[in-house]
Amino acid sequence: MIKFGYAIAYVENVDAELTFFEKSFGLERRFVDPSGDYGELDTGETVLAFANHELGKSNFPAGYAKGSPDNPMGVEIAMVTDDVATAHQSALDNGGSELRGPVEKPWGQTVSYIASPSGVLLEICTPVSME
């Protein structure tokens, strides 16, 4: 059996990205490599991690697309909460850029979109009802 274990976003500054997620969403650091090139947040069973672009260059010598606040990555990380408006504002207060304010989807879920300071595309959303 295979299970989803990690999501790793390559960013300019690992410490700054970890700090953004800590301050915006109350997450805690799980592990930071002594070099500062890589760090993880404690998000439950699946790990959210960040690595700097220098490590990305060593892993992908042919290159890859870098995200930025005005051109976020084409992969989205969803942060689930019962209070989208408060989490959205917290992300803005801590350096995130608004892509779309909170809206209610036809299926009843509330969602908003933020670009983190490094251009990580974040969806902040309520849980999806499976009823």
N, C-alpha and C. Protein backbone atom coordinates (compact mmCIF):
# COMPACT_ATOMS: atom_id res chain seq x y z
N MET A 1 0.84 -1.19 0.00
CA MET A 1 0.00 0.00 0.00
C MET A 1 0.89 1.25 0.00
N ILE A 2 0.49 2.24 -0.75
CA ILE A 2 1.19 3.52 -0.79
C ILE A 2 0.31 4.55 -0.09
N LYS A 3 0.93 5.42 0.70
CA LYS A 3 0.19 6.51 1.33
C LYS A 3 0.91 7.82 1.05
N PHE A 4 0.15 8.89 1.03
CA PHE A 4 0.70 10.22 0.81
C PHE A 4 1.42 10.65 2.07
N GLY A 5 2.71 10.96 1.95
CA GLY A 5 3.51 11.27 3.13
C GLY A 5 3.95 12.71 3.25
N TYR A 6 4.33 13.34 2.14
CA TYR A 6 4.89 14.69 2.18
C TYR A 6 4.37 15.53 1.03
N ALA A 7 4.28 16.82 1.27
CA ALA A 7 4.18 17.83 0.22
C ALA A 7 5.32 18.79 0.50
N ILE A 8 6.19 18.99 -0.47
CA ILE A 8 7.35 19.87 -0.30
C ILE A 8 7.26 20.99 -1.32
N ALA A 9 7.29 22.22 -0.85
CA ALA A 9 7.29 23.40 -1.71
C ALA A 9 8.69 24.01 -1.66
N TYR A 10 9.23 24.34 -2.82
CA TYR A 10 10.53 25.00 -2.91
C TYR A 10 10.32 26.50 -2.84
N VAL A 11 11.03 27.15 -1.93
CA VAL A 11 10.81 28.56 -1.61
C VAL A 11 12.15 29.29 -1.49
N GLU A 12 12.08 30.61 -1.50
CA GLU A 12 13.29 31.42 -1.35
C GLU A 12 13.90 31.29 0.04
N ASN A 13 13.06 31.32 1.07
CA ASN A 13 13.55 31.37 2.44
C ASN A 13 12.73 30.41 3.30
N VAL A 14 13.31 29.28 3.66
CA VAL A 14 12.60 28.24 4.42
C VAL A 14 12.13 28.78 5.76
N ASP A 15 13.00 29.45 6.50
CA ASP A 15 12.64 29.97 7.82
C ASP A 15 11.48 30.94 7.74
N ALA A 16 11.50 31.83 6.75
CA ALA A 16 10.41 32.81 6.59
C ALA A 16 9.10 32.11 6.26
N GLU A 17 9.15 31.08 5.44
CA GLU A 17 7.92 30.36 5.08
C GLU A 17 7.37 29.61 6.29
N LEU A 18 8.25 28.95 7.05
CA LEU A 18 7.80 28.26 8.27
C LEU A 18 7.17 29.26 9.24
N THR A 19 7.81 30.42 9.39
CA THR A 19 7.30 31.45 10.29
C THR A 19 5.92 31.93 9.84
N PHE A 20 5.73 32.14 8.53
CA PHE A 20 4.44 32.54 8.00
C PHE A 20 3.35 31.54 8.39
N PHE A 21 3.60 30.24 8.22
CA PHE A 21 2.61 29.22 8.55
C PHE A 21 2.40 29.13 10.06
N GLU A 22 3.45 29.31 10.84
CA GLU A 22 3.29 29.29 12.29
C GLU A 22 2.40 30.44 12.76
N LYS A 23 2.71 31.65 12.29
CA LYS A 23 1.97 32.83 12.74
C LYS A 23 0.56 32.88 12.16
N SER A 24 0.41 32.47 10.91
CA SER A 24 -0.91 32.55 10.25
C SER A 24 -1.87 31.48 10.74
N PHE A 25 -1.38 30.26 10.95
CA PHE A 25 -2.27 29.13 11.20
C PHE A 25 -1.99 28.38 12.51
N GLY A 26 -1.03 28.84 13.30
CA GLY A 26 -0.75 28.21 14.59
C GLY A 26 -0.06 26.86 14.48
N LEU A 27 0.56 26.57 13.34
CA LEU A 27 1.29 25.31 13.19
C LEU A 27 2.64 25.41 13.88
N GLU A 28 3.24 24.26 14.18
CA GLU A 28 4.55 24.23 14.82
C GLU A 28 5.56 23.50 13.95
N ARG A 29 6.82 23.89 14.10
CA ARG A 29 7.90 23.23 13.37
C ARG A 29 8.07 21.82 13.90
N ARG A 30 8.21 20.89 13.00
CA ARG A 30 8.45 19.50 13.35
C ARG A 30 9.92 19.16 13.23
N PHE A 31 10.56 19.69 12.17
CA PHE A 31 11.97 19.42 11.92
C PHE A 31 12.54 20.51 11.03
N VAL A 32 13.74 20.96 11.34
CA VAL A 32 14.48 21.87 10.47
C VAL A 32 15.89 21.34 10.34
N ASP A 33 16.32 21.14 9.11
CA ASP A 33 17.69 20.69 8.84
C ASP A 33 18.65 21.74 9.39
N PRO A 34 19.76 21.31 10.03
CA PRO A 34 20.70 22.29 10.59
C PRO A 34 21.20 23.33 9.58
N SER A 35 21.22 22.99 8.30
CA SER A 35 21.66 23.94 7.28
C SER A 35 20.61 25.01 7.01
N GLY A 36 19.36 24.75 7.40
CA GLY A 36 18.28 25.67 7.11
C GLY A 36 17.72 25.54 5.70
N ASP A 37 18.21 24.56 4.95
CA ASP A 37 17.76 24.36 3.57
C ASP A 37 16.41 23.66 3.48
N TYR A 38 15.97 23.04 4.58
CA TYR A 38 14.76 22.21 4.56
C TYR A 38 14.10 22.28 5.93
N GLY A 39 12.77 22.37 5.94
CA GLY A 39 12.06 22.37 7.21
C GLY A 39 10.66 21.80 7.05
N GLU A 40 10.14 21.24 8.13
CA GLU A 40 8.82 20.62 8.12
C GLU A 40 7.94 21.23 9.21
N LEU A 41 6.64 21.22 8.94
CA LEU A 41 5.65 21.64 9.92
C LEU A 41 4.89 20.42 10.42
N ASP A 42 4.48 20.46 11.68
CA ASP A 42 3.67 19.39 12.26
C ASP A 42 2.22 19.64 11.85
N THR A 43 1.75 18.88 10.87
CA THR A 43 0.40 19.07 10.34
C THR A 43 -0.45 17.81 10.49
N GLY A 44 0.00 16.88 11.30
CA GLY A 44 -0.72 15.63 11.45
C GLY A 44 0.05 14.51 10.75
N GLU A 45 -0.68 13.57 10.19
CA GLU A 45 -0.05 12.40 9.59
C GLU A 45 0.75 12.72 8.33
N THR A 46 0.27 13.67 7.54
CA THR A 46 0.97 14.06 6.32
C THR A 46 1.79 15.31 6.60
N VAL A 47 3.02 15.34 6.10
CA VAL A 47 3.95 16.42 6.41
C VAL A 47 3.90 17.50 5.34
N LEU A 48 3.86 18.75 5.77
CA LEU A 48 4.03 19.90 4.90
C LEU A 48 5.44 20.40 5.11
N ALA A 49 6.23 20.43 4.04
CA ALA A 49 7.65 20.78 4.17
C ALA A 49 8.03 21.83 3.14
N PHE A 50 9.15 22.50 3.41
CA PHE A 50 9.68 23.52 2.51
C PHE A 50 11.16 23.28 2.34
N ALA A 51 11.64 23.49 1.14
CA ALA A 51 13.06 23.39 0.83
C ALA A 51 13.44 24.63 0.04
N ASN A 52 14.69 25.09 0.19
CA ASN A 52 15.06 26.30 -0.52
C ASN A 52 15.39 25.99 -1.98
N HIS A 53 15.43 27.04 -2.77
CA HIS A 53 15.67 26.88 -4.21
C HIS A 53 17.05 26.29 -4.51
N GLU A 54 18.02 26.54 -3.65
CA GLU A 54 19.35 25.94 -3.86
C GLU A 54 19.26 24.42 -3.81
N LEU A 55 18.50 23.89 -2.86
CA LEU A 55 18.30 22.44 -2.79
C LEU A 55 17.52 21.97 -4.02
N GLY A 56 16.54 22.77 -4.45
CA GLY A 56 15.80 22.44 -5.66
C GLY A 56 16.72 22.35 -6.87
N LYS A 57 17.67 23.27 -6.99
CA LYS A 57 18.62 23.24 -8.10
C LYS A 57 19.45 21.96 -8.08
N SER A 58 19.81 21.52 -6.87
CA SER A 58 20.61 20.29 -6.79
C SER A 58 19.77 19.06 -7.09
N ASN A 59 18.48 19.09 -6.75
CA ASN A 59 17.59 17.96 -7.03
C ASN A 59 17.13 17.93 -8.49
N PHE A 60 16.99 19.10 -9.09
CA PHE A 60 16.44 19.20 -10.45
C PHE A 60 17.36 20.05 -11.32
N PRO A 61 18.48 19.49 -11.76
CA PRO A 61 19.45 20.28 -12.52
C PRO A 61 18.88 20.89 -13.80
N ALA A 62 17.83 20.32 -14.35
CA ALA A 62 17.22 20.88 -15.56
C ALA A 62 16.30 22.06 -15.23
N GLY A 63 16.05 22.31 -13.94
CA GLY A 63 15.23 23.43 -13.51
C GLY A 63 13.79 23.05 -13.22
N TYR A 64 13.05 24.00 -12.68
CA TYR A 64 11.63 23.83 -12.35
C TYR A 64 11.03 25.22 -12.24
N ALA A 65 9.72 25.32 -12.23
CA ALA A 65 9.04 26.61 -12.14
C ALA A 65 9.00 27.08 -10.69
N LYS A 66 9.50 28.28 -10.44
CA LYS A 66 9.46 28.87 -9.11
C LYS A 66 8.19 29.70 -8.96
N GLY A 67 7.60 29.63 -7.78
CA GLY A 67 6.45 30.47 -7.49
C GLY A 67 6.88 31.80 -6.92
N SER A 68 6.01 32.79 -7.00
CA SER A 68 6.21 34.09 -6.37
C SER A 68 4.83 34.62 -5.98
N PRO A 69 4.76 35.62 -5.10
CA PRO A 69 3.45 36.11 -4.67
C PRO A 69 2.56 36.58 -5.83
N ASP A 70 3.16 37.13 -6.89
CA ASP A 70 2.34 37.59 -8.02
C ASP A 70 2.20 36.53 -9.12
N ASN A 71 2.84 35.39 -8.93
CA ASN A 71 2.72 34.26 -9.87
C ASN A 71 2.84 32.96 -9.07
N PRO A 72 1.78 32.63 -8.29
CA PRO A 72 1.88 31.47 -7.39
C PRO A 72 2.03 30.15 -8.15
N MET A 73 2.55 29.18 -7.44
CA MET A 73 2.75 27.84 -7.99
C MET A 73 1.43 27.26 -8.47
N GLY A 74 1.50 26.35 -9.43
CA GLY A 74 0.32 25.73 -9.99
C GLY A 74 -0.17 24.53 -9.19
N VAL A 75 0.27 24.41 -7.96
CA VAL A 75 -0.20 23.35 -7.06
C VAL A 75 -0.71 24.05 -5.81
N GLU A 76 -1.82 23.60 -5.32
CA GLU A 76 -2.46 24.28 -4.19
C GLU A 76 -2.37 23.43 -2.93
N ILE A 77 -2.13 24.08 -1.81
CA ILE A 77 -2.15 23.44 -0.50
C ILE A 77 -3.39 23.94 0.21
N ALA A 78 -4.22 23.04 0.70
CA ALA A 78 -5.47 23.43 1.36
C ALA A 78 -5.31 23.37 2.87
N MET A 79 -5.68 24.45 3.52
CA MET A 79 -5.71 24.53 4.98
C MET A 79 -7.18 24.52 5.37
N VAL A 80 -7.61 23.52 6.12
CA VAL A 80 -9.02 23.33 6.45
C VAL A 80 -9.30 23.91 7.84
N THR A 81 -10.38 24.70 7.93
CA THR A 81 -10.76 25.36 9.17
C THR A 81 -12.27 25.59 9.18
N ASP A 82 -12.82 25.77 10.36
CA ASP A 82 -14.23 26.12 10.46
C ASP A 82 -14.44 27.63 10.30
N ASP A 83 -13.35 28.42 10.37
CA ASP A 83 -13.44 29.88 10.33
C ASP A 83 -12.51 30.42 9.23
N VAL A 84 -12.97 30.36 7.99
CA VAL A 84 -12.17 30.78 6.85
C VAL A 84 -11.81 32.27 6.94
N ALA A 85 -12.77 33.11 7.30
CA ALA A 85 -12.53 34.55 7.34
C ALA A 85 -11.39 34.91 8.28
N THR A 86 -11.37 34.32 9.46
CA THR A 86 -10.32 34.62 10.44
C THR A 86 -8.97 34.11 9.96
N ALA A 87 -8.91 32.88 9.44
CA ALA A 87 -7.64 32.33 8.93
C ALA A 87 -7.14 33.12 7.73
N HIS A 88 -8.05 33.54 6.87
CA HIS A 88 -7.70 34.34 5.69
C HIS A 88 -7.07 35.66 6.14
N GLN A 89 -7.70 36.34 7.08
CA GLN A 89 -7.17 37.61 7.57
C GLN A 89 -5.83 37.42 8.25
N SER A 90 -5.68 36.35 9.01
CA SER A 90 -4.41 36.06 9.68
C SER A 90 -3.29 35.88 8.65
N ALA A 91 -3.59 35.18 7.57
CA ALA A 91 -2.59 34.99 6.51
C ALA A 91 -2.22 36.33 5.88
N LEU A 92 -3.19 37.19 5.66
CA LEU A 92 -2.90 38.53 5.13
C LEU A 92 -2.07 39.34 6.10
N ASP A 93 -2.42 39.28 7.38
CA ASP A 93 -1.70 40.04 8.42
C ASP A 93 -0.26 39.59 8.56
N ASN A 94 0.04 38.36 8.14
CA ASN A 94 1.38 37.80 8.31
C ASN A 94 2.17 37.73 7.00
N GLY A 95 1.75 38.48 6.00
CA GLY A 95 2.55 38.60 4.78
C GLY A 95 2.01 37.90 3.56
N GLY A 96 0.86 37.25 3.65
CA GLY A 96 0.26 36.61 2.49
C GLY A 96 -0.38 37.65 1.57
N SER A 97 -0.59 37.27 0.32
CA SER A 97 -1.22 38.14 -0.66
C SER A 97 -2.57 37.55 -1.05
N GLU A 98 -3.60 38.37 -1.03
CA GLU A 98 -4.93 37.88 -1.36
C GLU A 98 -5.07 37.61 -2.86
N LEU A 99 -5.52 36.41 -3.18
CA LEU A 99 -5.84 36.06 -4.55
C LEU A 99 -7.35 36.08 -4.75
N ARG A 100 -8.09 35.68 -3.71
CA ARG A 100 -9.55 35.74 -3.74
C ARG A 100 -10.05 35.63 -2.30
N GLY A 101 -10.91 36.57 -1.93
CA GLY A 101 -11.48 36.55 -0.59
C GLY A 101 -12.45 35.40 -0.41
N PRO A 102 -12.91 35.18 0.82
CA PRO A 102 -13.82 34.06 1.09
C PRO A 102 -15.11 34.13 0.27
N VAL A 103 -15.45 33.00 -0.33
CA VAL A 103 -16.70 32.85 -1.07
C VAL A 103 -17.31 31.50 -0.72
N GLU A 104 -18.64 31.41 -0.83
CA GLU A 104 -19.30 30.13 -0.60
C GLU A 104 -19.53 29.45 -1.94
N LYS A 105 -19.09 28.21 -2.04
CA LYS A 105 -19.26 27.42 -3.25
C LYS A 105 -20.67 26.83 -3.28
N PRO A 106 -21.15 26.45 -4.46
CA PRO A 106 -22.52 25.90 -4.57
C PRO A 106 -22.75 24.67 -3.68
N TRP A 107 -21.72 23.93 -3.36
CA TRP A 107 -21.87 22.73 -2.53
C TRP A 107 -21.78 23.05 -1.04
N GLY A 108 -21.73 24.36 -0.68
CA GLY A 108 -21.78 24.77 0.72
C GLY A 108 -20.44 25.02 1.38
N GLN A 109 -19.35 24.74 0.72
CA GLN A 109 -18.03 24.95 1.29
C GLN A 109 -17.61 26.41 1.10
N THR A 110 -17.00 26.99 2.13
CA THR A 110 -16.45 28.34 2.04
C THR A 110 -14.96 28.22 1.74
N VAL A 111 -14.48 28.97 0.74
CA VAL A 111 -13.07 28.91 0.35
C VAL A 111 -12.53 30.32 0.11
N SER A 112 -11.23 30.47 0.31
CA SER A 112 -10.51 31.69 -0.08
C SER A 112 -9.14 31.25 -0.59
N TYR A 113 -8.46 32.16 -1.24
CA TYR A 113 -7.15 31.84 -1.82
C TYR A 113 -6.13 32.92 -1.47
N ILE A 114 -4.97 32.48 -1.04
CA ILE A 114 -3.86 33.34 -0.61
C ILE A 114 -2.59 32.83 -1.30
N ALA A 115 -1.69 33.74 -1.63
CA ALA A 115 -0.32 33.35 -2.00
C ALA A 115 0.54 33.65 -0.79
N SER A 116 1.31 32.65 -0.36
CA SER A 116 2.22 32.87 0.77
C SER A 116 3.33 33.83 0.32
N PRO A 117 4.15 34.30 1.25
CA PRO A 117 5.23 35.21 0.86
C PRO A 117 6.17 34.64 -0.21
N SER A 118 6.28 33.32 -0.28
CA SER A 118 7.14 32.69 -1.30
C SER A 118 6.37 32.26 -2.53
N GLY A 119 5.07 32.52 -2.58
CA GLY A 119 4.28 32.16 -3.74
C GLY A 119 3.64 30.79 -3.69
N VAL A 120 3.55 30.20 -2.50
CA VAL A 120 2.83 28.94 -2.36
C VAL A 120 1.34 29.26 -2.42
N LEU A 121 0.61 28.60 -3.30
CA LEU A 121 -0.82 28.82 -3.48
C LEU A 121 -1.58 28.08 -2.38
N LEU A 122 -2.31 28.84 -1.56
CA LEU A 122 -3.06 28.27 -0.44
C LEU A 122 -4.55 28.43 -0.64
N GLU A 123 -5.26 27.36 -0.47
CA GLU A 123 -6.71 27.43 -0.34
C GLU A 123 -7.00 27.33 1.14
N ILE A 124 -7.77 28.24 1.67
CA ILE A 124 -8.25 28.17 3.05
C ILE A 124 -9.73 27.83 2.93
N CYS A 125 -10.13 26.72 3.55
CA CYS A 125 -11.49 26.24 3.29
C CYS A 125 -12.10 25.55 4.50
N THR A 126 -13.43 25.50 4.48
CA THR A 126 -14.14 24.70 5.45
C THR A 126 -14.11 23.25 4.98
N PRO A 127 -14.36 22.31 5.89
CA PRO A 127 -14.40 20.91 5.47
C PRO A 127 -15.52 20.69 4.43
N VAL A 128 -15.32 19.74 3.55
CA VAL A 128 -16.34 19.38 2.58
C VAL A 128 -17.30 18.40 3.25
N SER A 129 -18.58 18.69 3.19
CA SER A 129 -19.56 17.77 3.75
C SER A 129 -19.69 16.56 2.85
N MET A 130 -19.62 15.38 3.41
CA MET A 130 -19.70 14.13 2.64
C MET A 130 -21.11 13.56 2.68
N GLU A 131 -22.07 14.36 3.09
CA GLU A 131 -23.46 13.87 3.18
C GLU A 131 -24.14 13.89 1.85
